[in-house]
Amino acid sequence: MRLLDTQPINVFLVNDHKLVLWGLERLIASAAPRMRVSGTAGSCDELLAKLASGAPDVIVLDLESGGASLACLEKLAANPTLRVLVLTGATDRELHQQAAVRGARGVVPKQADADVLLRAIYKVHEGEVWLDRGILGRVFSTLAHTRNNPPEAKKIDKLTCKERQIVATLVKAKGARNKIIADKLHISEHTLRNHFTTIYDKLQVSGRLELYLLASSELRDEGEQLIAA
């Protein structure tokens, strides 16, 4: 279950530069009471050790911090409930794609404005993915072809016809934003978010990326029929 809107988003910060970490802490504090810093770490090893005492809602991981490499993302991916948002100074789109394939729910360039990071944290916490549309489409395609989980796909049977239509539209649209999906379904974004919350709970997934992976193989053939119905 997702946290209620009245509860703050617990954000864990990973950065090996104390001055940068200080600034990030104050940025999160500026978003109070909606957000709070639940912990900090200077390396991947320190992060993993601290996670033993409890998982935060969102981890903001500096990809250039000591030990915080793509390998760290793979370790974090062992726990599918963790939502990791990557900070990076790299502009290489291939690196961004690799980070997402290894488990990052989003990538924020260090050159971005501070409010972009806050918006990304909100979206990742809501179960969305914060990536460039082109990169997101390739990530969805890559993961759909490298992961195969037929028994889990049976969970789709729990959904109503309308919910299956929403999932089919998500699969077809791949990396589309909520507004685009809502427009295709002729519903509001607010209604779509409510549907997604119910779908996540029924299928026991933590967000759009997991939902896509679960549904893509089963709905690929019938999606067109559902959308046309």
Foldseek 3Di string as FASTA:
>chain_A
DADDQVQAAEEEEEAQDPVVVVVVQVLQVVPPPNYHHPYYYQELVRVVVVCVVDAGLEYEHECPGHHNHLVSLLVVVVDQNYAYEYEYQDPDLVRQLSSVLSPHLEYDYPPDDSVVVVVQSVQSSLFHGHYDQVSQQVSLVVLLVVDDDVVLLVLLVVDDLVLLLLLLLCLVSRNDDLCVSCVLVVHDSVVSSVSVVVVCVSSVHRHDSVSNSSHNVVCVVVNVVSSVD
